[in-house]
């Protein structure tokens, strides 16, 4: 099944600790059906310091905050015109190309 959400889309989170927050899709992880959203689902990762001989610049250890993936079913695309969430559908244009559209309004997304 083709992904209906693409990199650069504005989305709103439906469930979880960041429910109601909005952000831009940074990366799509197709293997797991998950996405990374800028500034959302931040988790703390404890890392060991790496020596200079192991890496080029010798990374410092400590507690690092990073974005964790969110399942694609837990987000909805935001309509650019009225800023409300909407489901996304795919339809064929007159020349036979696929086009994403918002099911709530019927407006083209691409």
N, C-alpha and C. Protein backbone atom coordinates (compact mmCIF):
# COMPACT_ATOMS: atom_id res chain seq x y z
N UNK A 1 0.84 -1.18 0.00
CA UNK A 1 0.00 0.00 0.00
C UNK A 1 0.88 1.24 0.00
N UNK A 2 0.64 2.20 -0.89
CA UNK A 2 1.48 3.39 -0.95
C UNK A 2 1.23 4.29 0.26
N UNK A 3 2.29 4.95 0.71
CA UNK A 3 2.17 5.84 1.85
C UNK A 3 1.41 7.09 1.44
N UNK A 4 0.42 7.46 2.22
CA UNK A 4 -0.38 8.64 1.90
C UNK A 4 0.19 9.89 2.55
N UNK A 5 1.13 9.72 3.47
CA UNK A 5 1.79 10.85 4.11
C UNK A 5 3.22 10.89 3.58
N UNK A 6 3.66 12.08 3.21
CA UNK A 6 4.99 12.23 2.63
C UNK A 6 5.82 13.21 3.43
N UNK A 7 7.12 13.19 3.17
CA UNK A 7 8.04 14.10 3.85
C UNK A 7 7.66 15.54 3.52
N UNK A 8 7.64 16.39 4.54
CA UNK A 8 7.29 17.79 4.36
C UNK A 8 5.83 18.11 4.65
N UNK A 9 4.99 17.09 4.82
CA UNK A 9 3.58 17.32 5.16
C UNK A 9 3.46 17.84 6.58
N UNK A 10 2.50 18.73 6.79
CA UNK A 10 2.17 19.19 8.14
C UNK A 10 1.17 18.20 8.71
N UNK A 11 1.45 17.69 9.92
CA UNK A 11 0.58 16.68 10.53
C UNK A 11 0.24 17.07 11.96
N UNK A 12 -0.84 16.49 12.48
CA UNK A 12 -1.23 16.64 13.88
C UNK A 12 -1.25 15.24 14.49
N UNK A 13 -0.75 15.12 15.73
CA UNK A 13 -0.68 13.83 16.42
C UNK A 13 -2.03 13.56 17.08
N UNK A 14 -2.55 12.34 16.89
CA UNK A 14 -3.87 11.98 17.41
C UNK A 14 -3.83 11.32 18.77
N UNK A 15 -2.76 10.57 19.08
CA UNK A 15 -2.70 9.83 20.33
C UNK A 15 -1.31 9.95 20.94
N UNK A 16 -1.23 9.61 22.22
CA UNK A 16 0.06 9.59 22.89
C UNK A 16 0.33 10.85 23.68
N UNK A 17 1.57 10.97 24.16
CA UNK A 17 1.92 12.08 25.03
C UNK A 17 1.94 13.42 24.31
N UNK A 18 2.08 13.41 22.99
CA UNK A 18 2.10 14.64 22.21
C UNK A 18 0.78 14.88 21.47
N UNK A 19 -0.32 14.35 21.98
CA UNK A 19 -1.62 14.48 21.34
C UNK A 19 -1.99 15.94 21.13
N UNK A 20 -2.42 16.27 19.91
CA UNK A 20 -2.83 17.62 19.59
C UNK A 20 -1.72 18.50 19.07
N UNK A 21 -0.47 18.10 19.20
CA UNK A 21 0.64 18.91 18.73
C UNK A 21 0.81 18.74 17.22
N UNK A 22 1.35 19.77 16.59
CA UNK A 22 1.54 19.77 15.14
C UNK A 22 3.01 19.86 14.81
N UNK A 23 3.36 19.30 13.68
CA UNK A 23 4.74 19.36 13.23
C UNK A 23 4.85 18.94 11.78
N UNK A 24 6.06 18.98 11.27
CA UNK A 24 6.34 18.64 9.88
C UNK A 24 7.02 17.28 9.83
N UNK A 25 6.62 16.44 8.88
CA UNK A 25 7.22 15.12 8.73
C UNK A 25 8.65 15.29 8.23
N UNK A 26 9.59 14.73 8.99
CA UNK A 26 11.00 14.83 8.64
C UNK A 26 11.49 13.63 7.86
N UNK A 27 10.99 12.44 8.22
CA UNK A 27 11.46 11.21 7.58
C UNK A 27 10.37 10.16 7.66
N UNK A 28 10.32 9.30 6.64
CA UNK A 28 9.36 8.19 6.62
C UNK A 28 10.14 6.89 6.72
N UNK A 29 9.76 6.04 7.65
CA UNK A 29 10.40 4.74 7.82
C UNK A 29 9.42 3.69 7.31
N UNK A 30 9.50 3.37 6.03
CA UNK A 30 8.52 2.49 5.39
C UNK A 30 8.53 1.08 5.95
N UNK A 31 9.68 0.61 6.38
CA UNK A 31 9.79 -0.77 6.86
C UNK A 31 8.87 -1.01 8.06
N UNK A 32 8.78 -0.02 8.94
CA UNK A 32 8.00 -0.17 10.17
C UNK A 32 6.63 0.51 10.08
N UNK A 33 6.39 1.31 9.04
CA UNK A 33 5.15 2.08 8.96
C UNK A 33 5.14 3.22 9.95
N UNK A 34 6.29 3.82 10.16
CA UNK A 34 6.43 4.90 11.14
C UNK A 34 7.01 6.14 10.48
N UNK A 35 6.86 7.28 11.16
CA UNK A 35 7.40 8.53 10.65
C UNK A 35 8.10 9.27 11.78
N UNK A 36 9.01 10.18 11.42
CA UNK A 36 9.64 11.09 12.37
C UNK A 36 9.05 12.47 12.13
N UNK A 37 8.57 13.11 13.19
CA UNK A 37 7.99 14.44 13.09
C UNK A 37 8.89 15.39 13.85
N UNK A 38 9.21 16.54 13.23
CA UNK A 38 10.13 17.51 13.83
C UNK A 38 9.61 17.99 15.18
N UNK A 39 10.43 17.84 16.20
CA UNK A 39 10.14 18.37 17.52
C UNK A 39 9.11 17.62 18.34
N UNK A 40 8.64 16.47 17.87
CA UNK A 40 7.62 15.72 18.60
C UNK A 40 8.14 14.35 18.99
N UNK A 41 7.52 13.76 20.02
CA UNK A 41 7.88 12.45 20.55
C UNK A 41 9.36 12.40 20.93
N UNK A 42 9.78 13.39 21.71
CA UNK A 42 11.18 13.49 22.15
C UNK A 42 11.42 12.49 23.27
N UNK A 43 12.48 11.69 23.12
CA UNK A 43 12.88 10.73 24.15
C UNK A 43 14.33 11.01 24.54
N UNK A 44 14.69 10.57 25.75
CA UNK A 44 16.05 10.75 26.23
C UNK A 44 16.82 9.46 26.06
N UNK A 45 17.99 9.55 25.46
CA UNK A 45 18.82 8.38 25.22
C UNK A 45 20.13 8.55 25.97
N UNK A 46 20.50 7.55 26.77
CA UNK A 46 21.73 7.58 27.53
C UNK A 46 22.82 6.96 26.69
N UNK A 47 23.85 7.72 26.38
CA UNK A 47 24.93 7.22 25.52
C UNK A 47 26.27 7.28 26.24
N UNK A 48 27.10 6.33 25.91
CA UNK A 48 28.46 6.30 26.45
C UNK A 48 29.35 7.22 25.63
N UNK A 49 30.35 7.81 26.27
CA UNK A 49 31.30 8.60 25.48
C UNK A 49 32.14 7.69 24.58
N UNK A 50 32.43 8.16 23.41
CA UNK A 50 33.26 7.41 22.46
C UNK A 50 34.64 8.05 22.39
N UNK A 51 35.67 7.22 22.33
CA UNK A 51 37.02 7.75 22.28
C UNK A 51 37.34 8.25 20.87
N UNK A 52 38.37 9.03 20.77
CA UNK A 52 38.74 9.61 19.48
C UNK A 52 39.20 8.53 18.51
N UNK A 53 39.80 7.45 19.00
CA UNK A 53 40.27 6.42 18.09
C UNK A 53 39.11 5.62 17.47
N UNK A 54 37.95 5.57 18.17
CA UNK A 54 36.79 4.85 17.62
C UNK A 54 36.06 5.67 16.55
N UNK A 55 35.97 6.96 16.76
CA UNK A 55 35.25 7.81 15.81
C UNK A 55 36.15 8.96 15.39
N UNK A 56 35.70 9.72 14.44
CA UNK A 56 36.50 10.82 13.92
C UNK A 56 36.63 11.97 14.92
N UNK A 57 35.52 12.35 15.56
CA UNK A 57 35.56 13.54 16.41
C UNK A 57 35.43 13.26 17.90
N UNK A 58 35.28 12.02 18.31
CA UNK A 58 35.18 11.70 19.73
C UNK A 58 33.92 12.25 20.36
N UNK A 59 32.80 11.56 20.20
CA UNK A 59 31.52 12.06 20.67
C UNK A 59 31.44 12.00 22.19
N UNK A 60 30.86 13.03 22.76
CA UNK A 60 30.70 13.09 24.21
C UNK A 60 29.50 12.25 24.61
N UNK A 61 29.57 11.67 25.80
CA UNK A 61 28.45 10.88 26.30
C UNK A 61 27.49 11.75 27.08
N UNK A 62 26.48 11.10 27.64
CA UNK A 62 25.50 11.81 28.45
C UNK A 62 24.09 11.49 28.02
N UNK A 63 23.17 12.33 28.44
CA UNK A 63 21.77 12.14 28.10
C UNK A 63 21.45 13.02 26.90
N UNK A 64 21.08 12.39 25.80
CA UNK A 64 20.80 13.09 24.56
C UNK A 64 19.31 12.98 24.26
N UNK A 65 18.70 14.11 23.90
CA UNK A 65 17.29 14.09 23.52
C UNK A 65 17.19 13.96 22.01
N UNK A 66 16.33 13.05 21.56
CA UNK A 66 16.14 12.86 20.13
C UNK A 66 14.69 12.49 19.84
N UNK A 67 14.31 12.64 18.57
CA UNK A 67 12.95 12.32 18.15
C UNK A 67 12.81 10.82 17.95
N UNK A 68 11.71 10.27 18.44
CA UNK A 68 11.42 8.85 18.25
C UNK A 68 10.32 8.73 17.20
N UNK A 69 10.27 7.60 16.49
CA UNK A 69 9.24 7.42 15.46
C UNK A 69 7.84 7.31 16.05
N UNK A 70 6.86 7.77 15.26
CA UNK A 70 5.44 7.68 15.60
C UNK A 70 4.80 6.82 14.52
N UNK A 71 3.88 5.94 14.90
CA UNK A 71 3.22 5.12 13.90
C UNK A 71 2.36 6.01 13.00
N UNK A 72 2.36 5.68 11.72
CA UNK A 72 1.70 6.52 10.72
C UNK A 72 0.19 6.62 10.95
N UNK A 73 -0.40 5.64 11.63
CA UNK A 73 -1.84 5.68 11.89
C UNK A 73 -2.19 6.65 13.02
N UNK A 74 -1.20 7.14 13.74
CA UNK A 74 -1.44 8.03 14.87
C UNK A 74 -1.31 9.50 14.50
N UNK A 75 -1.20 9.80 13.22
CA UNK A 75 -1.12 11.19 12.77
C UNK A 75 -2.11 11.42 11.63
N UNK A 76 -2.50 12.68 11.44
CA UNK A 76 -3.38 13.08 10.34
C UNK A 76 -2.80 14.32 9.68
N UNK A 77 -2.96 14.39 8.37
CA UNK A 77 -2.47 15.54 7.62
C UNK A 77 -3.36 16.75 7.91
N UNK A 78 -2.72 17.93 8.03
CA UNK A 78 -3.43 19.17 8.31
C UNK A 78 -3.71 19.88 6.99
N UNK A 79 -4.96 20.31 6.81
CA UNK A 79 -5.36 21.06 5.61
C UNK A 79 -4.66 22.41 5.63
N UNK A 80 -3.90 22.75 4.57
CA UNK A 80 -3.18 24.02 4.58
C UNK A 80 -4.08 25.25 4.58
N UNK A 81 -5.33 25.13 4.13
CA UNK A 81 -6.21 26.30 4.05
C UNK A 81 -6.85 26.65 5.38
N UNK A 82 -7.44 25.66 6.09
CA UNK A 82 -8.14 25.99 7.33
C UNK A 82 -7.53 25.34 8.57
N UNK A 83 -6.37 24.70 8.42
CA UNK A 83 -5.61 24.14 9.55
C UNK A 83 -6.37 23.09 10.34
N UNK A 84 -7.26 22.34 9.69
CA UNK A 84 -7.97 21.25 10.35
C UNK A 84 -7.46 19.92 9.83
N UNK A 85 -7.43 18.87 10.68
CA UNK A 85 -6.95 17.57 10.22
C UNK A 85 -7.92 16.89 9.27
N UNK A 86 -7.37 16.12 8.34
CA UNK A 86 -8.19 15.44 7.36
C UNK A 86 -7.51 14.14 6.93
N UNK A 87 -8.33 13.17 6.54
CA UNK A 87 -7.77 11.95 5.97
C UNK A 87 -7.32 12.23 4.55
N UNK A 88 -6.44 11.37 4.04
CA UNK A 88 -5.89 11.56 2.71
C UNK A 88 -6.34 10.41 1.82
N UNK A 89 -6.77 10.73 0.61
CA UNK A 89 -7.14 9.73 -0.37
C UNK A 89 -6.27 9.88 -1.60
N UNK A 90 -6.34 8.89 -2.49
CA UNK A 90 -5.59 8.94 -3.74
C UNK A 90 -6.58 8.75 -4.88
N UNK A 91 -6.50 9.63 -5.86
CA UNK A 91 -7.36 9.52 -7.04
C UNK A 91 -6.51 9.73 -8.29
N UNK A 92 -7.04 9.30 -9.40
CA UNK A 92 -6.35 9.47 -10.68
C UNK A 92 -6.81 10.75 -11.34
N UNK A 93 -5.87 11.50 -11.91
CA UNK A 93 -6.21 12.71 -12.64
C UNK A 93 -6.61 12.34 -14.07
N UNK A 94 -6.99 13.32 -14.85
CA UNK A 94 -7.41 13.07 -16.23
C UNK A 94 -6.30 12.48 -17.08
N UNK A 95 -5.06 12.85 -16.80
CA UNK A 95 -3.95 12.31 -17.59
C UNK A 95 -3.40 11.01 -17.02
N UNK A 96 -4.08 10.42 -16.01
CA UNK A 96 -3.71 9.11 -15.50
C UNK A 96 -2.70 9.11 -14.37
N UNK A 97 -2.35 10.27 -13.83
CA UNK A 97 -1.38 10.33 -12.74
C UNK A 97 -2.10 10.27 -11.40
N UNK A 98 -1.40 9.73 -10.41
CA UNK A 98 -1.97 9.65 -9.05
C UNK A 98 -1.87 11.00 -8.37
N UNK A 99 -2.92 11.34 -7.63
CA UNK A 99 -2.94 12.62 -6.93
C UNK A 99 -3.48 12.40 -5.52
N UNK A 100 -2.80 12.96 -4.53
CA UNK A 100 -3.30 12.90 -3.17
C UNK A 100 -4.30 14.04 -2.97
N UNK A 101 -5.37 13.73 -2.23
CA UNK A 101 -6.35 14.77 -1.94
C UNK A 101 -6.87 14.60 -0.53
N UNK A 102 -7.42 15.67 0.01
CA UNK A 102 -7.98 15.66 1.36
C UNK A 102 -9.43 15.21 1.28
N UNK A 103 -9.79 14.19 2.01
CA UNK A 103 -11.13 13.63 1.94
C UNK A 103 -12.18 14.56 2.54
N UNK A 104 -11.81 15.40 3.49
CA UNK A 104 -12.77 16.28 4.13
C UNK A 104 -13.26 17.38 3.19
N UNK A 105 -12.33 17.93 2.38
CA UNK A 105 -12.70 19.04 1.50
C UNK A 105 -12.66 18.65 0.02
N UNK A 106 -11.89 17.62 -0.33
CA UNK A 106 -11.74 17.24 -1.73
C UNK A 106 -10.65 18.00 -2.44
N UNK A 107 -9.94 18.89 -1.73
CA UNK A 107 -8.86 19.68 -2.34
C UNK A 107 -7.63 18.81 -2.59
N UNK A 108 -6.92 19.10 -3.69
CA UNK A 108 -5.68 18.39 -4.00
C UNK A 108 -4.60 18.76 -3.01
N UNK A 109 -3.78 17.80 -2.63
CA UNK A 109 -2.72 18.04 -1.65
C UNK A 109 -1.40 18.34 -2.34
N UNK A 110 -1.15 17.73 -3.48
CA UNK A 110 0.12 17.94 -4.19
C UNK A 110 0.01 19.04 -5.21
